[in-house]
Amino acid sequence: MVKIKVNENGPYLIEIESGSFEVERDTGKELVEKKTIALCRCGGSENKPFCDGTHRKIGFSAKGANIKIVEASKKV
């Protein structure tokens, strides 16, 4: 299962039950052995795609949300 939370005035939080994240950048692939990662939403992070807290420094403001992934066979 994958959970996605859009934090108010902050990053996207992506949470997985098992496995890891593989991030591909121009410099190559990186395996992130965590259950939750925070992805930049403000555009100011020096460590994109990851959040580094810059949103607080620059006063980023945006609403939050919860995003659910619905499998094709379970659509309502």
C-alpha atoms as a PDB file:
ATOM      1  CA  MET A   1       0.000   0.000   0.000  1.00  0.00           C
ATOM      2  CA  VAL A   2       1.135   3.532  -0.787  1.00  0.00           C
ATOM      3  CA  LYS A   3      -0.055   6.579   1.160  1.00  0.00           C
ATOM      4  CA  ILE A   4       0.412  10.112  -0.106  1.00  0.00           C
ATOM      5  CA  LYS A   5      -0.151  13.142   2.076  1.00  0.00           C
ATOM      6  CA  VAL A   6       0.174  16.713   0.887  1.00  0.00           C
ATOM      7  CA  ASN A   7       1.215  18.657   3.987  1.00  0.00           C
ATOM      8  CA  GLU A   8      -0.291  22.100   4.414  1.00  0.00           C
ATOM      9  CA  ASN A   9       2.463  24.616   3.647  1.00  0.00           C
ATOM     10  CA  GLY A  10       4.926  21.740   3.277  1.00  0.00           C
ATOM     11  CA  PRO A  11       6.105  18.717   1.299  1.00  0.00           C
ATOM     12  CA  TYR A  12       4.487  15.651  -0.190  1.00  0.00           C
ATOM     13  CA  LEU A  13       4.903  12.694   2.190  1.00  0.00           C
ATOM     14  CA  ILE A  14       5.024   9.319   0.464  1.00  0.00           C
ATOM     15  CA  GLU A  15       4.702   6.272   2.730  1.00  0.00           C
ATOM     16  CA  ILE A  16       5.046   2.599   1.789  1.00  0.00           C
ATOM     17  CA  GLU A  17       4.412  -0.540   3.833  1.00  0.00           C
ATOM     18  CA  SER A  18       7.343  -2.480   2.429  1.00  0.00           C
ATOM     19  CA  GLY A  19      10.166  -2.164  -0.053  1.00  0.00           C
ATOM     20  CA  SER A  20      12.251   0.907  -0.789  1.00  0.00           C
ATOM     21  CA  PHE A  21      12.293   3.909  -3.110  1.00  0.00           C
ATOM     22  CA  GLU A  22      14.477   4.141  -6.203  1.00  0.00           C
ATOM     23  CA  VAL A  23      15.191   7.713  -7.256  1.00  0.00           C
ATOM     24  CA  GLU A  24      16.695   8.301 -10.685  1.00  0.00           C
ATOM     25  CA  ARG A  25      18.546  11.564 -11.280  1.00  0.00           C
ATOM     26  CA  ASP A  26      20.946  12.786 -13.978  1.00  0.00           C
ATOM     27  CA  THR A  27      23.792  11.512 -11.792  1.00  0.00           C
ATOM     28  CA  GLY A  28      22.363   7.986 -11.555  1.00  0.00           C
ATOM     29  CA  LYS A  29      20.019   5.917  -9.432  1.00  0.00           C
ATOM     30  CA  GLU A  30      19.740   6.100  -5.661  1.00  0.00           C
ATOM     31  CA  LEU A  31      18.073   3.507  -3.436  1.00  0.00           C
ATOM     32  CA  VAL A  32      16.364   5.043  -0.396  1.00  0.00           C
ATOM     33  CA  GLU A  33      15.806   2.481   2.356  1.00  0.00           C
ATOM     34  CA  LYS A  34      13.043   4.306   4.226  1.00  0.00           C
ATOM     35  CA  LYS A  35       9.321   3.761   4.657  1.00  0.00           C
ATOM     36  CA  THR A  36       8.521   7.475   4.268  1.00  0.00           C
ATOM     37  CA  ILE A  37      10.093  10.180   2.118  1.00  0.00           C
ATOM     38  CA  ALA A  38       9.296  13.902   1.896  1.00  0.00           C
ATOM     39  CA  LEU A  39       9.293  15.403  -1.594  1.00  0.00           C
ATOM     40  CA  CYS A  40       9.711  19.124  -2.244  1.00  0.00           C
ATOM     41  CA  ARG A  41       6.579  21.003  -3.213  1.00  0.00           C
ATOM     42  CA  CYS A  42       7.819  24.601  -2.905  1.00  0.00           C
ATOM     43  CA  GLY A  43      10.549  24.328  -5.534  1.00  0.00           C
ATOM     44  CA  GLY A  44      13.232  25.753  -3.236  1.00  0.00           C
ATOM     45  CA  SER A  45      14.954  22.615  -1.934  1.00  0.00           C
ATOM     46  CA  GLU A  46      18.674  22.289  -2.563  1.00  0.00           C
ATOM     47  CA  ASN A  47      18.239  18.481  -2.477  1.00  0.00           C
ATOM     48  CA  LYS A  48      15.439  17.989  -5.014  1.00  0.00           C
ATOM     49  CA  PRO A  49      13.365  15.925  -5.280  1.00  0.00           C
ATOM     50  CA  PHE A  50      13.602  15.707  -1.486  1.00  0.00           C
ATOM     51  CA  CYS A  51      12.392  18.358   0.938  1.00  0.00           C
ATOM     52  CA  ASP A  52      15.110  20.125   2.941  1.00  0.00           C
ATOM     53  CA  GLY A  53      12.831  22.465   4.935  1.00  0.00           C
ATOM     54  CA  THR A  54      13.273  25.478   2.654  1.00  0.00           C
ATOM     55  CA  HIS A  55       9.480  25.910   2.498  1.00  0.00           C
ATOM     56  CA  ARG A  56       9.596  27.289   6.058  1.00  0.00           C
ATOM     57  CA  LYS A  57      12.323  29.808   5.217  1.00  0.00           C
ATOM     58  CA  ILE A  58      10.599  31.158   2.105  1.00  0.00           C
ATOM     59  CA  GLY A  59       7.071  31.232   3.547  1.00  0.00           C
ATOM     60  CA  PHE A  60       5.612  28.677   1.141  1.00  0.00           C
ATOM     61  CA  SER A  61       1.837  28.519   1.472  1.00  0.00           C
ATOM     62  CA  ALA A  62      -0.482  25.899   0.003  1.00  0.00           C
ATOM     63  CA  LYS A  63      -3.356  23.739   1.179  1.00  0.00           C
ATOM     64  CA  GLY A  64      -2.882  20.161   2.292  1.00  0.00           C
ATOM     65  CA  ALA A  65      -4.666  17.033   1.076  1.00  0.00           C
ATOM     66  CA  ASN A  66      -4.729  13.268   1.369  1.00  0.00           C
ATOM     67  CA  ILE A  67      -4.420  11.309  -1.855  1.00  0.00           C
ATOM     68  CA  LYS A  68      -5.708   7.757  -2.156  1.00  0.00           C
ATOM     69  CA  ILE A  69      -4.659   5.355  -4.871  1.00  0.00           C
ATOM     70  CA  VAL A  70      -7.685   3.447  -6.150  1.00  0.00           C
ATOM     71  CA  GLU A  71      -7.072   0.238  -8.041  1.00  0.00           C
ATOM     72  CA  ALA A  72      -8.901  -0.004 -11.370  1.00  0.00           C
ATOM     73  CA  SER A  73     -11.026  -2.927 -10.172  1.00  0.00           C
ATOM     74  CA  LYS A  74     -12.143  -0.968  -7.090  1.00  0.00           C
ATOM     75  CA  LYS A  75     -13.316   2.275  -8.716  1.00  0.00           C
ATOM     76  CA  VAL A  76     -16.615   3.567  -7.415  1.00  0.00           C
END
